[in-house]
Amino acid sequence: MGSILLCQCTTVTLSQDERDFIAAQYADCLCAACLKDMKSSYHQQQMQHKLHNISPLLFPKK
């Protein structure tokens, strides 16, 4: 107890962008499972942005 190195969250590797995404939504600690869920949410959001950006190319307005 008392050491961040013993925390389960250290098992989840996050990029700086993923950390920024999570920090914008949570100010406190998260368990490893929640961090993994947030990491997945970040990547889903990134994919949605990419699809939104290319959708005019795939489906041009007539």
PDB file of N, CA and C in Angstrom:
ATOM      1  N   MET A   1       0.841  -1.178   0.000  1.00  0.00           N
ATOM      2  CA  MET A   1       0.000   0.000   0.000  1.00  0.00           C
ATOM      3  C   MET A   1       0.885   1.240   0.000  1.00  0.00           C
ATOM      4  N   GLY A   2       0.454   2.268  -0.713  1.00  0.00           N
ATOM      5  CA  GLY A   2       1.169   3.521  -0.703  1.00  0.00           C
ATOM      6  C   GLY A   2       2.143   3.710  -1.846  1.00  0.00           C
ATOM      7  N   SER A   3       2.355   2.712  -2.675  1.00  0.00           N
ATOM      8  CA  SER A   3       3.292   2.826  -3.779  1.00  0.00           C
ATOM      9  C   SER A   3       2.542   2.726  -5.104  1.00  0.00           C
ATOM     10  N   ILE A   4       2.712   3.718  -5.958  1.00  0.00           N
ATOM     11  CA  ILE A   4       2.072   3.703  -7.268  1.00  0.00           C
ATOM     12  C   ILE A   4       2.555   2.511  -8.090  1.00  0.00           C
ATOM     13  N   LEU A   5       3.747   2.036  -7.825  1.00  0.00           N
ATOM     14  CA  LEU A   5       4.286   0.903  -8.564  1.00  0.00           C
ATOM     15  C   LEU A   5       3.537  -0.395  -8.279  1.00  0.00           C
ATOM     16  N   LEU A   6       2.763  -0.424  -7.204  1.00  0.00           N
ATOM     17  CA  LEU A   6       1.977  -1.608  -6.866  1.00  0.00           C
ATOM     18  C   LEU A   6       0.546  -1.513  -7.401  1.00  0.00           C
ATOM     19  N   CYS A   7       0.207  -0.392  -7.999  1.00  0.00           N
ATOM     20  CA  CYS A   7      -1.153  -0.181  -8.501  1.00  0.00           C
ATOM     21  C   CYS A   7      -1.387  -0.979  -9.782  1.00  0.00           C
ATOM     22  N   GLN A   8      -2.585  -1.520  -9.926  1.00  0.00           N
ATOM     23  CA  GLN A   8      -2.937  -2.297 -11.117  1.00  0.00           C
ATOM     24  C   GLN A   8      -2.933  -1.444 -12.378  1.00  0.00           C
ATOM     25  N   CYS A   9      -3.063  -0.129 -12.229  1.00  0.00           N
ATOM     26  CA  CYS A   9      -3.114   0.731 -13.414  1.00  0.00           C
ATOM     27  C   CYS A   9      -1.781   0.743 -14.169  1.00  0.00           C
ATOM     28  N   THR A  10      -0.706   0.373 -13.519  1.00  0.00           N
ATOM     29  CA  THR A  10       0.600   0.375 -14.183  1.00  0.00           C
ATOM     30  C   THR A  10       0.703  -0.718 -15.247  1.00  0.00           C
ATOM     31  N   THR A  11      -0.274  -1.621 -15.276  1.00  0.00           N
ATOM     32  CA  THR A  11      -0.254  -2.686 -16.289  1.00  0.00           C
ATOM     33  C   THR A  11      -0.827  -2.216 -17.625  1.00  0.00           C
ATOM     34  N   VAL A  12      -1.418  -1.017 -17.660  1.00  0.00           N
ATOM     35  CA  VAL A  12      -2.031  -0.484 -18.877  1.00  0.00           C
ATOM     36  C   VAL A  12      -1.106   0.569 -19.476  1.00  0.00           C
ATOM     37  N   THR A  13      -0.647   0.317 -20.689  1.00  0.00           N
ATOM     38  CA  THR A  13       0.223   1.259 -21.387  1.00  0.00           C
ATOM     39  C   THR A  13      -0.641   2.246 -22.164  1.00  0.00           C
ATOM     40  N   LEU A  14      -0.385   3.541 -21.956  1.00  0.00           N
ATOM     41  CA  LEU A  14      -1.155   4.589 -22.612  1.00  0.00           C
ATOM     42  C   LEU A  14      -0.230   5.558 -23.327  1.00  0.00           C
ATOM     43  N   SER A  15      -0.661   5.989 -24.510  1.00  0.00           N
ATOM     44  CA  SER A  15       0.075   7.037 -25.217  1.00  0.00           C
ATOM     45  C   SER A  15      -0.279   8.380 -24.567  1.00  0.00           C
ATOM     46  N   GLN A  16       0.447   9.417 -24.939  1.00  0.00           N
ATOM     47  CA  GLN A  16       0.145  10.735 -24.391  1.00  0.00           C
ATOM     48  C   GLN A  16      -1.251  11.188 -24.814  1.00  0.00           C
ATOM     49  N   ASP A  17      -1.639  10.918 -26.041  1.00  0.00           N
ATOM     50  CA  ASP A  17      -2.976  11.284 -26.517  1.00  0.00           C
ATOM     51  C   ASP A  17      -4.059  10.553 -25.722  1.00  0.00           C
ATOM     52  N   GLU A  18      -3.833   9.287 -25.433  1.00  0.00           N
ATOM     53  CA  GLU A  18      -4.790   8.519 -24.639  1.00  0.00           C
ATOM     54  C   GLU A  18      -4.870   9.078 -23.219  1.00  0.00           C
ATOM     55  N   ARG A  19      -3.742   9.426 -22.648  1.00  0.00           N
ATOM     56  CA  ARG A  19      -3.734  10.024 -21.302  1.00  0.00           C
ATOM     57  C   ARG A  19      -4.481  11.346 -21.289  1.00  0.00           C
ATOM     58  N   ASP A  20      -4.260  12.169 -22.311  1.00  0.00           N
ATOM     59  CA  ASP A  20      -4.946  13.459 -22.397  1.00  0.00           C
ATOM     60  C   ASP A  20      -6.460  13.260 -22.506  1.00  0.00           C
ATOM     61  N   PHE A  21      -6.881  12.296 -23.318  1.00  0.00           N
ATOM     62  CA  PHE A  21      -8.297  11.984 -23.485  1.00  0.00           C
ATOM     63  C   PHE A  21      -8.919  11.588 -22.146  1.00  0.00           C
ATOM     64  N   ILE A  22      -8.256  10.717 -21.416  1.00  0.00           N
ATOM     65  CA  ILE A  22      -8.768  10.253 -20.128  1.00  0.00           C
ATOM     66  C   ILE A  22      -8.753  11.379 -19.104  1.00  0.00           C
ATOM     67  N   ALA A  23      -7.687  12.156 -19.079  1.00  0.00           N
ATOM     68  CA  ALA A  23      -7.570  13.250 -18.112  1.00  0.00           C
ATOM     69  C   ALA A  23      -8.638  14.315 -18.325  1.00  0.00           C
ATOM     70  N   ALA A  24      -9.094  14.471 -19.554  1.00  0.00           N
ATOM     71  CA  ALA A  24     -10.147  15.452 -19.838  1.00  0.00           C
ATOM     72  C   ALA A  24     -11.489  15.021 -19.245  1.00  0.00           C
ATOM     73  N   GLN A  25     -11.608  13.729 -18.927  1.00  0.00           N
ATOM     74  CA  GLN A  25     -12.868  13.209 -18.412  1.00  0.00           C
ATOM     75  C   GLN A  25     -12.820  12.786 -16.946  1.00  0.00           C
ATOM     76  N   TYR A  26     -11.628  12.454 -16.474  1.00  0.00           N
ATOM     77  CA  TYR A  26     -11.474  11.976 -15.101  1.00  0.00           C
ATOM     78  C   TYR A  26     -10.273  12.638 -14.436  1.00  0.00           C
ATOM     79  N   ALA A  27     -10.462  13.069 -13.207  1.00  0.00           N
ATOM     80  CA  ALA A  27      -9.371  13.707 -12.480  1.00  0.00           C
ATOM     81  C   ALA A  27      -8.773  12.778 -11.426  1.00  0.00           C
ATOM     82  N   ASP A  28      -9.393  11.632 -11.236  1.00  0.00           N
ATOM     83  CA  ASP A  28      -8.960  10.727 -10.175  1.00  0.00           C
ATOM     84  C   ASP A  28      -8.441   9.427 -10.776  1.00  0.00           C
ATOM     85  N   CYS A  29      -8.055   8.521  -9.928  1.00  0.00           N
ATOM     86  CA  CYS A  29      -7.519   7.225 -10.356  1.00  0.00           C
ATOM     87  C   CYS A  29      -8.605   6.361 -10.995  1.00  0.00           C
ATOM     88  N   LEU A  30      -8.178   5.513 -11.901  1.00  0.00           N
ATOM     89  CA  LEU A  30      -9.060   4.524 -12.508  1.00  0.00           C
ATOM     90  C   LEU A  30      -8.402   3.161 -12.402  1.00  0.00           C
ATOM     91  N   CYS A  31      -9.226   2.133 -12.276  1.00  0.00           N
ATOM     92  CA  CYS A  31      -8.680   0.776 -12.232  1.00  0.00           C
ATOM     93  C   CYS A  31      -8.221   0.383 -13.632  1.00  0.00           C
ATOM     94  N   ALA A  32      -7.502  -0.706 -13.721  1.00  0.00           N
ATOM     95  CA  ALA A  32      -6.960  -1.163 -15.000  1.00  0.00           C
ATOM     96  C   ALA A  32      -8.075  -1.438 -16.008  1.00  0.00           C
ATOM     97  N   ALA A  33      -9.162  -2.049 -15.567  1.00  0.00           N
ATOM     98  CA  ALA A  33     -10.268  -2.350 -16.478  1.00  0.00           C
ATOM     99  C   ALA A  33     -10.880  -1.069 -17.032  1.00  0.00           C
ATOM    100  N   CYS A  34     -11.048  -0.060 -16.193  1.00  0.00           N
ATOM    101  CA  CYS A  34     -11.609   1.219 -16.647  1.00  0.00           C
ATOM    102  C   CYS A  34     -10.641   1.931 -17.582  1.00  0.00           C
ATOM    103  N   LEU A  35      -9.354   1.855 -17.305  1.00  0.00           N
ATOM    104  CA  LEU A  35      -8.365   2.454 -18.208  1.00  0.00           C
ATOM    105  C   LEU A  35      -8.404   1.787 -19.574  1.00  0.00           C
ATOM    106  N   LYS A  36      -8.543   0.475 -19.590  1.00  0.00           N
ATOM    107  CA  LYS A  36      -8.636  -0.245 -20.867  1.00  0.00           C
ATOM    108  C   LYS A  36      -9.898   0.161 -21.619  1.00  0.00           C
ATOM    109  N   ASP A  37     -11.004   0.320 -20.903  1.00  0.00           N
ATOM    110  CA  ASP A  37     -12.246   0.774 -21.535  1.00  0.00           C
ATOM    111  C   ASP A  37     -12.095   2.178 -22.106  1.00  0.00           C
ATOM    112  N   MET A  38     -11.450   3.064 -21.358  1.00  0.00           N
ATOM    113  CA  MET A  38     -11.246   4.430 -21.828  1.00  0.00           C
ATOM    114  C   MET A  38     -10.306   4.464 -23.027  1.00  0.00           C
ATOM    115  N   LYS A  39      -9.303   3.616 -23.009  1.00  0.00           N
ATOM    116  CA  LYS A  39      -8.384   3.517 -24.140  1.00  0.00           C
ATOM    117  C   LYS A  39      -9.147   3.078 -25.388  1.00  0.00           C
ATOM    118  N   SER A  40     -10.029   2.110 -25.229  1.00  0.00           N
ATOM    119  CA  SER A  40     -10.853   1.642 -26.335  1.00  0.00           C
ATOM    120  C   SER A  40     -11.790   2.756 -26.817  1.00  0.00           C
ATOM    121  N   SER A  41     -12.375   3.489 -25.898  1.00  0.00           N
ATOM    122  CA  SER A  41     -13.258   4.602 -26.262  1.00  0.00           C
ATOM    123  C   SER A  41     -12.507   5.660 -27.054  1.00  0.00           C
ATOM    124  N   TYR A  42     -11.289   5.933 -26.656  1.00  0.00           N
ATOM    125  CA  TYR A  42     -10.461   6.903 -27.376  1.00  0.00           C
ATOM    126  C   TYR A  42     -10.268   6.456 -28.824  1.00  0.00           C
ATOM    127  N   HIS A  43      -9.929   5.192 -29.016  1.00  0.00           N
ATOM    128  CA  HIS A  43      -9.667   4.697 -30.361  1.00  0.00           C
ATOM    129  C   HIS A  43     -10.952   4.628 -31.192  1.00  0.00           C
ATOM    130  N   GLN A  44     -12.063   4.313 -30.568  1.00  0.00           N
ATOM    131  CA  GLN A  44     -13.338   4.330 -31.282  1.00  0.00           C
ATOM    132  C   GLN A  44     -13.671   5.749 -31.740  1.00  0.00           C
ATOM    133  N   GLN A  45     -13.436   6.714 -30.861  1.00  0.00           N
ATOM    134  CA  GLN A  45     -13.696   8.110 -31.209  1.00  0.00           C
ATOM    135  C   GLN A  45     -12.793   8.563 -32.353  1.00  0.00           C
ATOM    136  N   GLN A  46     -11.534   8.161 -32.321  1.00  0.00           N
ATOM    137  CA  GLN A  46     -10.610   8.519 -33.390  1.00  0.00           C
ATOM    138  C   GLN A  46     -11.060   7.920 -34.721  1.00  0.00           C
ATOM    139  N   MET A  47     -11.524   6.693 -34.698  1.00  0.00           N
ATOM    140  CA  MET A  47     -12.003   6.044 -35.912  1.00  0.00           C
ATOM    141  C   MET A  47     -13.243   6.755 -36.442  1.00  0.00           C
ATOM    142  N   GLN A  48     -14.139   7.144 -35.563  1.00  0.00           N
ATOM    143  CA  GLN A  48     -15.338   7.869 -35.993  1.00  0.00           C
ATOM    144  C   GLN A  48     -14.979   9.200 -36.643  1.00  0.00           C
ATOM    145  N   HIS A  49     -13.995   9.899 -36.080  1.00  0.00           N
ATOM    146  CA  HIS A  49     -13.541  11.158 -36.676  1.00  0.00           C
ATOM    147  C   HIS A  49     -12.971  10.917 -38.073  1.00  0.00           C
ATOM    148  N   LYS A  50     -12.189   9.868 -38.219  1.00  0.00           N
ATOM    149  CA  LYS A  50     -11.607   9.557 -39.532  1.00  0.00           C
ATOM    150  C   LYS A  50     -12.706   9.231 -40.545  1.00  0.00           C
ATOM    151  N   LEU A  51     -13.676   8.427 -40.134  1.00  0.00           N
ATOM    152  CA  LEU A  51     -14.773   8.080 -41.036  1.00  0.00           C
ATOM    153  C   LEU A  51     -15.594   9.302 -41.401  1.00  0.00           C
ATOM    154  N   HIS A  52     -15.814  10.159 -40.432  1.00  0.00           N
ATOM    155  CA  HIS A  52     -16.563  11.385 -40.696  1.00  0.00           C
ATOM    156  C   HIS A  52     -15.816  12.264 -41.702  1.00  0.00           C
ATOM    157  N   ASN A  53     -14.502  12.310 -41.580  1.00  0.00           N
ATOM    158  CA  ASN A  53     -13.697  13.139 -42.478  1.00  0.00           C
ATOM    159  C   ASN A  53     -13.646  12.591 -43.903  1.00  0.00           C
ATOM    160  N   ILE A  54     -13.720  11.276 -44.055  1.00  0.00           N
ATOM    161  CA  ILE A  54     -13.655  10.720 -45.412  1.00  0.00           C
ATOM    162  C   ILE A  54     -15.030  10.458 -46.004  1.00  0.00           C
ATOM    163  N   SER A  55     -16.090  10.546 -45.215  1.00  0.00           N
ATOM    164  CA  SER A  55     -17.413  10.240 -45.740  1.00  0.00           C
ATOM    165  C   SER A  55     -17.813  11.106 -46.931  1.00  0.00           C
ATOM    166  N   PRO A  56     -17.442  12.397 -46.998  1.00  0.00           N
ATOM    167  CA  PRO A  56     -17.771  13.153 -48.215  1.00  0.00           C
ATOM    168  C   PRO A  56     -17.068  12.606 -49.451  1.00  0.00           C
ATOM    169  N   LEU A  57     -15.935  12.000 -49.273  1.00  0.00           N
ATOM    170  CA  LEU A  57     -15.229  11.403 -50.408  1.00  0.00           C
ATOM    171  C   LEU A  57     -15.927  10.125 -50.879  1.00  0.00           C
ATOM    172  N   LEU A  58     -16.470   9.385 -49.918  1.00  0.00           N
ATOM    173  CA  LEU A  58     -17.143   8.132 -50.254  1.00  0.00           C
ATOM    174  C   LEU A  58     -18.560   8.365 -50.771  1.00  0.00           C
ATOM    175  N   PHE A  59     -19.216   9.367 -50.207  1.00  0.00           N
ATOM    176  CA  PHE A  59     -20.610   9.655 -50.552  1.00  0.00           C
ATOM    177  C   PHE A  59     -20.773  11.132 -50.894  1.00  0.00           C
ATOM    178  N   PRO A  60     -20.287  11.521 -52.057  1.00  0.00           N
ATOM    179  CA  PRO A  60     -20.387  12.944 -52.433  1.00  0.00           C
ATOM    180  C   PRO A  60     -21.834  13.366 -52.612  1.00  0.00           C
ATOM    181  N   LYS A  61     -22.079  14.627 -52.277  1.00  0.00           N
ATOM    182  CA  LYS A  61     -23.433  15.175 -52.485  1.00  0.00           C
ATOM    183  C   LYS A  61     -23.676  15.364 -53.968  1.00  0.00           C
ATOM    184  N   LYS A  62     -24.885  15.092 -54.374  1.00  0.00           N
ATOM    185  CA  LYS A  62     -25.226  15.190 -55.799  1.00  0.00           C
ATOM    186  C   LYS A  62     -25.793  16.536 -56.121  1.00  0.00           C
TER     187      LYS A  62
END
